[in-house]
Amino acid sequence: MNDLASLDRQHVPDAEHETEEQLKEHSGKRRRWGGRVFGLGVFLVLIGALYLGPNGEKVGKLFATEGPTSVAARAGLDKIFLVTRLQLVLLAFVVFLMVAKP
């Protein structure tokens, strides 16, 4: 049985363990994870579009004008690599959240 079917069923709270308020709170938290994961994915796309695109062009122009030994171009490339590594870690976290569905 999938997770959505279990959320749709009427659940009678166990008098000893959980109240109706706790059940409502738990189901609300459970439904919010999808929106947060989606928001994190949108954030990753925005980083790529607004930061990596323009800075990649700048670094490419620096390499074209100053050559492969340019210190400024190497520094810019290092920043781009740092941001892409952080994006990769966040993307792995998004995939984990989508699979685990906490």
PDB file of N, CA and C in Angstrom:
ATOM      1  N   MET A   1       0.847  -1.170   0.000  1.00  0.00           N
ATOM      2  CA  MET A   1       0.000   0.000   0.000  1.00  0.00           C
ATOM      3  C   MET A   1       0.894   1.235   0.000  1.00  0.00           C
ATOM      4  N   ASN A   2       0.536   2.244  -0.763  1.00  0.00           N
ATOM      5  CA  ASN A   2       1.390   3.427  -0.836  1.00  0.00           C
ATOM      6  C   ASN A   2       1.092   4.389   0.314  1.00  0.00           C
ATOM      7  N   ASP A   3       1.934   5.399   0.430  1.00  0.00           N
ATOM      8  CA  ASP A   3       1.823   6.344   1.546  1.00  0.00           C
ATOM      9  C   ASP A   3       0.567   7.202   1.454  1.00  0.00           C
ATOM     10  N   LEU A   4       0.146   7.546   0.240  1.00  0.00           N
ATOM     11  CA  LEU A   4      -1.023   8.416   0.102  1.00  0.00           C
ATOM     12  C   LEU A   4      -2.294   7.721   0.555  1.00  0.00           C
ATOM     13  N   ALA A   5      -2.407   6.438   0.274  1.00  0.00           N
ATOM     14  CA  ALA A   5      -3.600   5.717   0.690  1.00  0.00           C
ATOM     15  C   ALA A   5      -3.690   5.668   2.216  1.00  0.00           C
ATOM     16  N   SER A   6      -2.553   5.536   2.881  1.00  0.00           N
ATOM     17  CA  SER A   6      -2.588   5.479   4.339  1.00  0.00           C
ATOM     18  C   SER A   6      -2.950   6.842   4.935  1.00  0.00           C
ATOM     19  N   LEU A   7      -2.638   7.947   4.224  1.00  0.00           N
ATOM     20  CA  LEU A   7      -3.013   9.265   4.728  1.00  0.00           C
ATOM     21  C   LEU A   7      -4.488   9.562   4.510  1.00  0.00           C
ATOM     22  N   ASP A   8      -5.081   8.968   3.486  1.00  0.00           N
ATOM     23  CA  ASP A   8      -6.479   9.228   3.176  1.00  0.00           C
ATOM     24  C   ASP A   8      -7.441   8.463   4.072  1.00  0.00           C
ATOM     25  N   ARG A   9      -6.998   7.329   4.585  1.00  0.00           N
ATOM     26  CA  ARG A   9      -7.877   6.523   5.432  1.00  0.00           C
ATOM     27  C   ARG A   9      -8.184   7.231   6.744  1.00  0.00           C
ATOM     28  N   GLN A  10      -9.365   6.957   7.244  1.00  0.00           N
ATOM     29  CA  GLN A  10      -9.709   7.451   8.566  1.00  0.00           C
ATOM     30  C   GLN A  10      -8.937   6.631   9.585  1.00  0.00           C
ATOM     31  N   HIS A  11      -8.284   7.315  10.485  1.00  0.00           N
ATOM     32  CA  HIS A  11      -7.487   6.634  11.499  1.00  0.00           C
ATOM     33  C   HIS A  11      -8.087   6.940  12.860  1.00  0.00           C
ATOM     34  N   VAL A  12      -8.379   5.909  13.598  1.00  0.00           N
ATOM     35  CA  VAL A  12      -8.907   6.070  14.939  1.00  0.00           C
ATOM     36  C   VAL A  12      -7.719   6.116  15.885  1.00  0.00           C
ATOM     37  N   PRO A  13      -7.566   7.215  16.623  1.00  0.00           N
ATOM     38  CA  PRO A  13      -6.396   7.322  17.495  1.00  0.00           C
ATOM     39  C   PRO A  13      -6.462   6.324  18.639  1.00  0.00           C
ATOM     40  N   ASP A  14      -5.323   5.808  18.986  1.00  0.00           N
ATOM     41  CA  ASP A  14      -5.188   4.927  20.127  1.00  0.00           C
ATOM     42  C   ASP A  14      -5.212   5.812  21.367  1.00  0.00           C
ATOM     43  N   ALA A  15      -6.136   5.540  22.272  1.00  0.00           N
ATOM     44  CA  ALA A  15      -6.346   6.410  23.426  1.00  0.00           C
ATOM     45  C   ALA A  15      -5.088   6.519  24.286  1.00  0.00           C
ATOM     46  N   GLU A  16      -4.295   5.470  24.321  1.00  0.00           N
ATOM     47  CA  GLU A  16      -3.116   5.490  25.182  1.00  0.00           C
ATOM     48  C   GLU A  16      -1.941   6.231  24.541  1.00  0.00           C
ATOM     49  N   HIS A  17      -1.874   6.286  23.220  1.00  0.00           N
ATOM     50  CA  HIS A  17      -0.664   6.759  22.581  1.00  0.00           C
ATOM     51  C   HIS A  17      -0.788   8.090  21.852  1.00  0.00           C
ATOM     52  N   GLU A  18      -1.857   8.336  21.142  1.00  0.00           N
ATOM     53  CA  GLU A  18      -1.914   9.554  20.339  1.00  0.00           C
ATOM     54  C   GLU A  18      -3.311  10.165  20.354  1.00  0.00           C
ATOM     55  N   THR A  19      -3.333  11.465  20.267  1.00  0.00           N
ATOM     56  CA  THR A  19      -4.602  12.182  20.215  1.00  0.00           C
ATOM     57  C   THR A  19      -4.854  12.631  18.783  1.00  0.00           C
ATOM     58  N   GLU A  20      -6.043  13.126  18.536  1.00  0.00           N
ATOM     59  CA  GLU A  20      -6.374  13.592  17.185  1.00  0.00           C
ATOM     60  C   GLU A  20      -5.508  14.779  16.780  1.00  0.00           C
ATOM     61  N   GLU A  21      -5.152  15.653  17.721  1.00  0.00           N
ATOM     62  CA  GLU A  21      -4.305  16.797  17.402  1.00  0.00           C
ATOM     63  C   GLU A  21      -2.917  16.336  16.961  1.00  0.00           C
ATOM     64  N   GLN A  22      -2.379  15.312  17.636  1.00  0.00           N
ATOM     65  CA  GLN A  22      -1.068  14.790  17.260  1.00  0.00           C
ATOM     66  C   GLN A  22      -1.123  14.175  15.866  1.00  0.00           C
ATOM     67  N   LEU A  23      -2.210  13.506  15.541  1.00  0.00           N
ATOM     68  CA  LEU A  23      -2.346  12.916  14.216  1.00  0.00           C
ATOM     69  C   LEU A  23      -2.402  13.991  13.136  1.00  0.00           C
ATOM     70  N   LYS A  24      -3.163  15.067  13.391  1.00  0.00           N
ATOM     71  CA  LYS A  24      -3.250  16.152  12.418  1.00  0.00           C
ATOM     72  C   LYS A  24      -1.893  16.823  12.234  1.00  0.00           C
ATOM     73  N   GLU A  25      -1.184  17.021  13.332  1.00  0.00           N
ATOM     74  CA  GLU A  25       0.137  17.647  13.260  1.00  0.00           C
ATOM     75  C   GLU A  25       1.109  16.770  12.477  1.00  0.00           C
ATOM     76  N   HIS A  26       1.063  15.484  12.713  1.00  0.00           N
ATOM     77  CA  HIS A  26       1.964  14.558  12.016  1.00  0.00           C
ATOM     78  C   HIS A  26       1.660  14.508  10.522  1.00  0.00           C
ATOM     79  N   SER A  27       0.400  14.454  10.143  1.00  0.00           N
ATOM     80  CA  SER A  27       0.064  14.383   8.723  1.00  0.00           C
ATOM     81  C   SER A  27       0.402  15.688   8.015  1.00  0.00           C
ATOM     82  N   GLY A  28       0.296  16.821   8.696  1.00  0.00           N
ATOM     83  CA  GLY A  28       0.672  18.093   8.100  1.00  0.00           C
ATOM     84  C   GLY A  28       2.161  18.170   7.841  1.00  0.00           C
ATOM     85  N   LYS A  29       2.959  17.690   8.773  1.00  0.00           N
ATOM     86  CA  LYS A  29       4.409  17.665   8.589  1.00  0.00           C
ATOM     87  C   LYS A  29       4.778  16.733   7.454  1.00  0.00           C
ATOM     88  N   ARG A  30       4.071  15.642   7.370  1.00  0.00           N
ATOM     89  CA  ARG A  30       4.387  14.648   6.350  1.00  0.00           C
ATOM     90  C   ARG A  30       4.110  15.189   4.945  1.00  0.00           C
ATOM     91  N   ARG A  31       3.116  16.022   4.807  1.00  0.00           N
ATOM     92  CA  ARG A  31       2.760  16.559   3.493  1.00  0.00           C
ATOM     93  C   ARG A  31       3.653  17.727   3.085  1.00  0.00           C
ATOM     94  N   ARG A  32       4.339  18.362   4.039  1.00  0.00           N
ATOM     95  CA  ARG A  32       5.140  19.534   3.724  1.00  0.00           C
ATOM     96  C   ARG A  32       6.503  19.200   3.130  1.00  0.00           C
ATOM     97  N   TRP A  33       6.985  17.990   3.268  1.00  0.00           N
ATOM     98  CA  TRP A  33       8.338  17.674   2.800  1.00  0.00           C
ATOM     99  C   TRP A  33       8.456  17.855   1.297  1.00  0.00           C
ATOM    100  N   GLY A  34       7.401  17.568   0.556  1.00  0.00           N
ATOM    101  CA  GLY A  34       7.450  17.692  -0.902  1.00  0.00           C
ATOM    102  C   GLY A  34       7.667  19.123  -1.358  1.00  0.00           C
ATOM    103  N   GLY A  35       6.997  20.048  -0.729  1.00  0.00           N
ATOM    104  CA  GLY A  35       7.162  21.452  -1.077  1.00  0.00           C
ATOM    105  C   GLY A  35       8.547  21.973  -0.752  1.00  0.00           C
ATOM    106  N   ARG A  36       9.089  21.531   0.355  1.00  0.00           N
ATOM    107  CA  ARG A  36      10.435  21.961   0.732  1.00  0.00           C
ATOM    108  C   ARG A  36      11.480  21.398  -0.219  1.00  0.00           C
ATOM    109  N   VAL A  37      11.332  20.148  -0.606  1.00  0.00           N
ATOM    110  CA  VAL A  37      12.275  19.541  -1.537  1.00  0.00           C
ATOM    111  C   VAL A  37      12.172  20.228  -2.898  1.00  0.00           C
ATOM    112  N   PHE A  38      10.963  20.514  -3.324  1.00  0.00           N
ATOM    113  CA  PHE A  38      10.778  21.222  -4.584  1.00  0.00           C
ATOM    114  C   PHE A  38      11.422  22.607  -4.526  1.00  0.00           C
ATOM    115  N   GLY A  39      11.244  23.304  -3.422  1.00  0.00           N
ATOM    116  CA  GLY A  39      11.852  24.620  -3.248  1.00  0.00           C
ATOM    117  C   GLY A  39      13.371  24.561  -3.283  1.00  0.00           C
ATOM    118  N   LEU A  40      13.945  23.533  -2.687  1.00  0.00           N
ATOM    119  CA  LEU A  40      15.393  23.364  -2.727  1.00  0.00           C
ATOM    120  C   LEU A  40      15.873  23.077  -4.144  1.00  0.00           C
ATOM    121  N   GLY A  41      15.101  22.319  -4.896  1.00  0.00           N
ATOM    122  CA  GLY A  41      15.442  22.065  -6.297  1.00  0.00           C
ATOM    123  C   GLY A  41      15.387  23.331  -7.126  1.00  0.00           C
ATOM    124  N   VAL A  42      14.392  24.168  -6.892  1.00  0.00           N
ATOM    125  CA  VAL A  42      14.299  25.455  -7.594  1.00  0.00           C
ATOM    126  C   VAL A  42      15.485  26.346  -7.224  1.00  0.00           C
ATOM    127  N   PHE A  43      15.884  26.320  -5.973  1.00  0.00           N
ATOM    128  CA  PHE A  43      17.045  27.082  -5.519  1.00  0.00           C
ATOM    129  C   PHE A  43      18.306  26.636  -6.253  1.00  0.00           C
ATOM    130  N   LEU A  44      18.480  25.342  -6.440  1.00  0.00           N
ATOM    131  CA  LEU A  44      19.639  24.828  -7.164  1.00  0.00           C
ATOM    132  C   LEU A  44      19.641  25.290  -8.622  1.00  0.00           C
ATOM    133  N   VAL A  45      18.484  25.293  -9.245  1.00  0.00           N
ATOM    134  CA  VAL A  45      18.391  25.751 -10.633  1.00  0.00           C
ATOM    135  C   VAL A  45      18.710  27.243 -10.719  1.00  0.00           C
ATOM    136  N   LEU A  46      18.218  28.019  -9.762  1.00  0.00           N
ATOM    137  CA  LEU A  46      18.492  29.456  -9.761  1.00  0.00           C
ATOM    138  C   LEU A  46      19.982  29.748  -9.568  1.00  0.00           C
ATOM    139  N   ILE A  47      20.640  28.976  -8.714  1.00  0.00           N
ATOM    140  CA  ILE A  47      22.086  29.151  -8.549  1.00  0.00           C
ATOM    141  C   ILE A  47      22.790  28.922  -9.878  1.00  0.00           C
ATOM    142  N   GLY A  48      22.405  27.886 -10.575  1.00  0.00           N
ATOM    143  CA  GLY A  48      23.018  27.602 -11.863  1.00  0.00           C
ATOM    144  C   GLY A  48      22.764  28.708 -12.873  1.00  0.00           C
ATOM    145  N   ALA A  49      21.560  29.215 -12.911  1.00  0.00           N
ATOM    146  CA  ALA A  49      21.204  30.221 -13.915  1.00  0.00           C
ATOM    147  C   ALA A  49      21.760  31.606 -13.580  1.00  0.00           C
ATOM    148  N   LEU A  50      21.706  31.975 -12.320  1.00  0.00           N
ATOM    149  CA  LEU A  50      22.072  33.342 -11.954  1.00  0.00           C
ATOM    150  C   LEU A  50      23.532  33.519 -11.551  1.00  0.00           C
ATOM    151  N   TYR A  51      24.192  32.458 -11.129  1.00  0.00           N
ATOM    152  CA  TYR A  51      25.586  32.587 -10.708  1.00  0.00           C
ATOM    153  C   TYR A  51      26.545  31.888 -11.667  1.00  0.00           C
ATOM    154  N   LEU A  52      26.293  30.634 -11.927  1.00  0.00           N
ATOM    155  CA  LEU A  52      27.250  29.860 -12.717  1.00  0.00           C
ATOM    156  C   LEU A  52      27.302  30.301 -14.173  1.00  0.00           C
ATOM    157  N   GLY A  53      26.175  30.637 -14.749  1.00  0.00           N
ATOM    158  CA  GLY A  53      26.155  31.065 -16.148  1.00  0.00           C
ATOM    159  C   GLY A  53      26.977  32.312 -16.399  1.00  0.00           C
ATOM    160  N   PRO A  54      26.658  33.421 -15.736  1.00  0.00           N
ATOM    161  CA  PRO A  54      27.430  34.648 -15.963  1.00  0.00           C
ATOM    162  C   PRO A  54      28.908  34.535 -15.566  1.00  0.00           C
ATOM    163  N   ASN A  55      29.184  33.884 -14.437  1.00  0.00           N
ATOM    164  CA  ASN A  55      30.576  33.764 -14.007  1.00  0.00           C
ATOM    165  C   ASN A  55      31.363  32.821 -14.908  1.00  0.00           C
ATOM    166  N   GLY A  56      30.711  31.827 -15.455  1.00  0.00           N
ATOM    167  CA  GLY A  56      31.385  30.947 -16.409  1.00  0.00           C
ATOM    168  C   GLY A  56      31.805  31.704 -17.657  1.00  0.00           C
ATOM    169  N   GLU A  57      30.962  32.600 -18.110  1.00  0.00           N
ATOM    170  CA  GLU A  57      31.310  33.430 -19.272  1.00  0.00           C
ATOM    171  C   GLU A  57      32.487  34.351 -18.954  1.00  0.00           C
ATOM    172  N   LYS A  58      32.471  34.958 -17.756  1.00  0.00           N
ATOM    173  CA  LYS A  58      33.567  35.849 -17.372  1.00  0.00           C
ATOM    174  C   LYS A  58      34.896  35.092 -17.317  1.00  0.00           C
ATOM    175  N   VAL A  59      34.862  33.916 -16.703  1.00  0.00           N
ATOM    176  CA  VAL A  59      36.086  33.121 -16.593  1.00  0.00           C
ATOM    177  C   VAL A  59      36.552  32.674 -17.971  1.00  0.00           C
ATOM    178  N   GLY A  60      35.629  32.319 -18.829  1.00  0.00           N
ATOM    179  CA  GLY A  60      35.990  31.933 -20.195  1.00  0.00           C
ATOM    180  C   GLY A  60      36.656  33.069 -20.951  1.00  0.00           C
ATOM    181  N   LYS A  61      36.135  34.292 -20.785  1.00  0.00           N
ATOM    182  CA  LYS A  61      36.739  35.456 -21.438  1.00  0.00           C
ATOM    183  C   LYS A  61      38.132  35.738 -20.874  1.00  0.00           C
ATOM    184  N   LEU A  62      38.280  35.582 -19.541  1.00  0.00           N
ATOM    185  CA  LEU A  62      39.600  35.786 -18.935  1.00  0.00           C
ATOM    186  C   LEU A  62      40.618  34.789 -19.478  1.00  0.00           C
ATOM    187  N   PHE A  63      40.219  33.541 -19.588  1.00  0.00           N
ATOM    188  CA  PHE A  63      41.130  32.534 -20.138  1.00  0.00           C
ATOM    189  C   PHE A  63      41.458  32.840 -21.600  1.00  0.00           C
ATOM    190  N   ALA A  64      40.483  33.348 -22.334  1.00  0.00           N
ATOM    191  CA  ALA A  64      40.717  33.651 -23.747  1.00  0.00           C
ATOM    192  C   ALA A  64      41.670  34.830 -23.920  1.00  0.00           C
ATOM    193  N   THR A  65      41.555  35.843 -23.048  1.00  0.00           N
ATOM    194  CA  THR A  65      42.400  37.031 -23.207  1.00  0.00           C
ATOM    195  C   THR A  65      43.766  36.889 -22.532  1.00  0.00           C
ATOM    196  N   GLU A  66      43.799  36.296 -21.332  1.00  0.00           N
ATOM    197  CA  GLU A  66      45.048  36.242 -20.564  1.00  0.00           C
ATOM    198  C   GLU A  66      45.780  34.910 -20.672  1.00  0.00           C
ATOM    199  N   GLY A  67      45.128  33.906 -21.207  1.00  0.00           N
ATOM    200  CA  GLY A  67      45.778  32.606 -21.356  1.00  0.00           C
ATOM    201  C   GLY A  67      45.511  31.686 -20.176  1.00  0.00           C
ATOM    202  N   PRO A  68      45.978  30.440 -20.274  1.00  0.00           N
ATOM    203  CA  PRO A  68      45.685  29.443 -19.245  1.00  0.00           C
ATOM    204  C   PRO A  68      46.435  29.646 -17.927  1.00  0.00           C
ATOM    205  N   THR A  69      47.401  30.555 -17.889  1.00  0.00           N
ATOM    206  CA  THR A  69      48.139  30.785 -16.644  1.00  0.00           C
ATOM    207  C   THR A  69      47.622  31.983 -15.866  1.00  0.00           C
ATOM    208  N   SER A  70      46.495  32.523 -16.250  1.00  0.00           N
ATOM    209  CA  SER A  70      45.926  33.696 -15.593  1.00  0.00           C
ATOM    210  C   SER A  70      45.522  33.379 -14.157  1.00  0.00           C
ATOM    211  N   VAL A  71      46.014  34.189 -13.247  1.00  0.00           N
ATOM    212  CA  VAL A  71      45.698  33.995 -11.827  1.00  0.00           C
ATOM    213  C   VAL A  71      44.231  34.343 -11.547  1.00  0.00           C
ATOM    214  N   ALA A  72      43.739  35.402 -12.147  1.00  0.00           N
ATOM    215  CA  ALA A  72      42.343  35.816 -11.929  1.00  0.00           C
ATOM    216  C   ALA A  72      41.370  34.775 -12.482  1.00  0.00           C
ATOM    217  N   ALA A  73      41.706  34.224 -13.648  1.00  0.00           N
ATOM    218  CA  ALA A  73      40.837  33.209 -14.235  1.00  0.00           C
ATOM    219  C   ALA A  73      40.843  31.938 -13.396  1.00  0.00           C
ATOM    220  N   ARG A  74      42.013  31.562 -12.879  1.00  0.00           N
ATOM    221  CA  ARG A  74      42.094  30.375 -12.004  1.00  0.00           C
ATOM    222  C   ARG A  74      41.286  30.580 -10.727  1.00  0.00           C
ATOM    223  N   ALA A  75      41.338  31.777 -10.154  1.00  0.00           N
ATOM    224  CA  ALA A  75      40.564  32.066  -8.941  1.00  0.00           C
ATOM    225  C   ALA A  75      39.068  31.989  -9.229  1.00  0.00           C
ATOM    226  N   GLY A  76      38.651  32.534 -10.374  1.00  0.00           N
ATOM    227  CA  GLY A  76      37.242  32.447 -10.753  1.00  0.00           C
ATOM    228  C   GLY A  76      36.802  31.014 -10.987  1.00  0.00           C
ATOM    229  N   LEU A  77      37.669  30.231 -11.601  1.00  0.00           N
ATOM    230  CA  LEU A  77      37.350  28.824 -11.849  1.00  0.00           C
ATOM    231  C   LEU A  77      37.252  28.046 -10.537  1.00  0.00           C
ATOM    232  N   ASP A  78      38.121  28.382  -9.580  1.00  0.00           N
ATOM    233  CA  ASP A  78      38.045  27.731  -8.264  1.00  0.00           C
ATOM    234  C   ASP A  78      36.728  28.042  -7.564  1.00  0.00           C
ATOM    235  N   LYS A  79      36.246  29.289  -7.689  1.00  0.00           N
ATOM    236  CA  LYS A  79      34.944  29.647  -7.091  1.00  0.00           C
ATOM    237  C   LYS A  79      33.816  28.861  -7.760  1.00  0.00           C
ATOM    238  N   ILE A  80      33.895  28.742  -9.074  1.00  0.00           N
ATOM    239  CA  ILE A  80      32.859  27.992  -9.791  1.00  0.00           C
ATOM    240  C   ILE A  80      32.866  26.532  -9.358  1.00  0.00           C
ATOM    241  N   PHE A  81      34.057  25.951  -9.218  1.00  0.00           N
ATOM    242  CA  PHE A  81      34.140  24.561  -8.765  1.00  0.00           C
ATOM    243  C   PHE A  81      33.588  24.396  -7.356  1.00  0.00           C
ATOM    244  N   LEU A  82      33.843  25.364  -6.484  1.00  0.00           N
ATOM    245  CA  LEU A  82      33.313  25.302  -5.118  1.00  0.00           C
ATOM    246  C   LEU A  82      31.786  25.316  -5.134  1.00  0.00           C
ATOM    247  N   VAL A  83      31.209  26.223  -5.908  1.00  0.00           N
ATOM    248  CA  VAL A  83      29.743  26.322  -5.975  1.00  0.00           C
ATOM    249  C   VAL A  83      29.144  25.058  -6.569  1.00  0.00           C
ATOM    250  N   THR A  84      29.777  24.498  -7.607  1.00  0.00           N
ATOM    251  CA  THR A  84      29.223  23.277  -8.202  1.00  0.00           C
ATOM    252  C   THR A  84      29.333  22.094  -7.254  1.00  0.00           C
ATOM    253  N   ARG A  85      30.381  22.057  -6.445  1.00  0.00           N
ATOM    254  CA  ARG A  85      30.486  20.977  -5.443  1.00  0.00           C
ATOM    255  C   ARG A  85      29.395  21.107  -4.390  1.00  0.00           C
ATOM    256  N   LEU A  86      29.139  22.333  -3.956  1.00  0.00           N
ATOM    257  CA  LEU A  86      28.045  22.550  -2.996  1.00  0.00           C
ATOM    258  C   LEU A  86      26.696  22.183  -3.612  1.00  0.00           C
ATOM    259  N   GLN A  87      26.526  22.499  -4.887  1.00  0.00           N
ATOM    260  CA  GLN A  87      25.290  22.124  -5.574  1.00  0.00           C
ATOM    261  C   GLN A  87      25.148  20.610  -5.628  1.00  0.00           C
ATOM    262  N   LEU A  88      26.246  19.910  -5.870  1.00  0.00           N
ATOM    263  CA  LEU A  88      26.195  18.456  -5.937  1.00  0.00           C
ATOM    264  C   LEU A  88      25.786  17.857  -4.592  1.00  0.00           C
ATOM    265  N   VAL A  89      26.319  18.406  -3.506  1.00  0.00           N
ATOM    266  CA  VAL A  89      25.948  17.914  -2.173  1.00  0.00           C
ATOM    267  C   VAL A  89      24.465  18.181  -1.914  1.00  0.00           C
ATOM    268  N   LEU A  90      23.996  19.376  -2.257  1.00  0.00           N
ATOM    269  CA  LEU A  90      22.572  19.687  -2.064  1.00  0.00           C
ATOM    270  C   LEU A  90      21.682  18.820  -2.945  1.00  0.00           C
ATOM    271  N   LEU A  91      22.127  18.542  -4.162  1.00  0.00           N
ATOM    272  CA  LEU A  91      21.349  17.677  -5.044  1.00  0.00           C
ATOM    273  C   LEU A  91      21.263  16.260  -4.481  1.00  0.00           C
ATOM    274  N   ALA A  92      22.363  15.761  -3.931  1.00  0.00           N
ATOM    275  CA  ALA A  92      22.335  14.442  -3.293  1.00  0.00           C
ATOM    276  C   ALA A  92      21.373  14.446  -2.108  1.00  0.00           C
ATOM    277  N   PHE A  93      21.335  15.553  -1.369  1.00  0.00           N
ATOM    278  CA  PHE A  93      20.404  15.675  -0.249  1.00  0.00           C
ATOM    279  C   PHE A  93      18.957  15.683  -0.733  1.00  0.00           C
ATOM    280  N   VAL A  94      18.690  16.375  -1.837  1.00  0.00           N
ATOM    281  CA  VAL A  94      17.342  16.398  -2.418  1.00  0.00           C
ATOM    282  C   VAL A  94      16.929  14.993  -2.842  1.00  0.00           C
ATOM    283  N   VAL A  95      17.814  14.275  -3.491  1.00  0.00           N
ATOM    284  CA  VAL A  95      17.502  12.908  -3.918  1.00  0.00           C
ATOM    285  C   VAL A  95      17.241  12.034  -2.701  1.00  0.00           C
ATOM    286  N   PHE A  96      18.052  12.190  -1.646  1.00  0.00           N
ATOM    287  CA  PHE A  96      17.820  11.423  -0.424  1.00  0.00           C
ATOM    288  C   PHE A  96      16.447  11.713   0.153  1.00  0.00           C
ATOM    289  N   LEU A  97      16.084  12.991   0.214  1.00  0.00           N
ATOM    290  CA  LEU A  97      14.776  13.348   0.765  1.00  0.00           C
ATOM    291  C   LEU A  97      13.636  12.794  -0.077  1.00  0.00           C
ATOM    292  N   MET A  98      13.822  12.782  -1.385  1.00  0.00           N
ATOM    293  CA  MET A  98      12.769  12.249  -2.246  1.00  0.00           C
ATOM    294  C   MET A  98      12.622  10.739  -2.104  1.00  0.00           C
ATOM    295  N   VAL A  99      13.720  10.069  -1.866  1.00  0.00           N
ATOM    296  CA  VAL A  99      13.666   8.605  -1.716  1.00  0.00           C
ATOM    297  C   VAL A  99      13.188   8.225  -0.312  1.00  0.00           C
ATOM    298  N   ALA A 100      13.723   8.878   0.707  1.00  0.00           N
ATOM    299  CA  ALA A 100      13.407   8.505   2.082  1.00  0.00           C
ATOM    300  C   ALA A 100      12.048   9.024   2.538  1.00  0.00           C
ATOM    301  N   LYS A 101      11.606  10.148   2.019  1.00  0.00           N
ATOM    302  CA  LYS A 101      10.328  10.770   2.385  1.00  0.00           C
ATOM    303  C   LYS A 101      10.158  10.861   3.899  1.00  0.00           C
ATOM    304  N   PRO A 102      11.010  11.658   4.552  1.00  0.00           N
ATOM    305  CA  PRO A 102      10.960  11.714   6.028  1.00  0.00           C
ATOM    306  C   PRO A 102       9.685  12.340   6.543  1.00  0.00           C
TER     307      PRO A 102
END
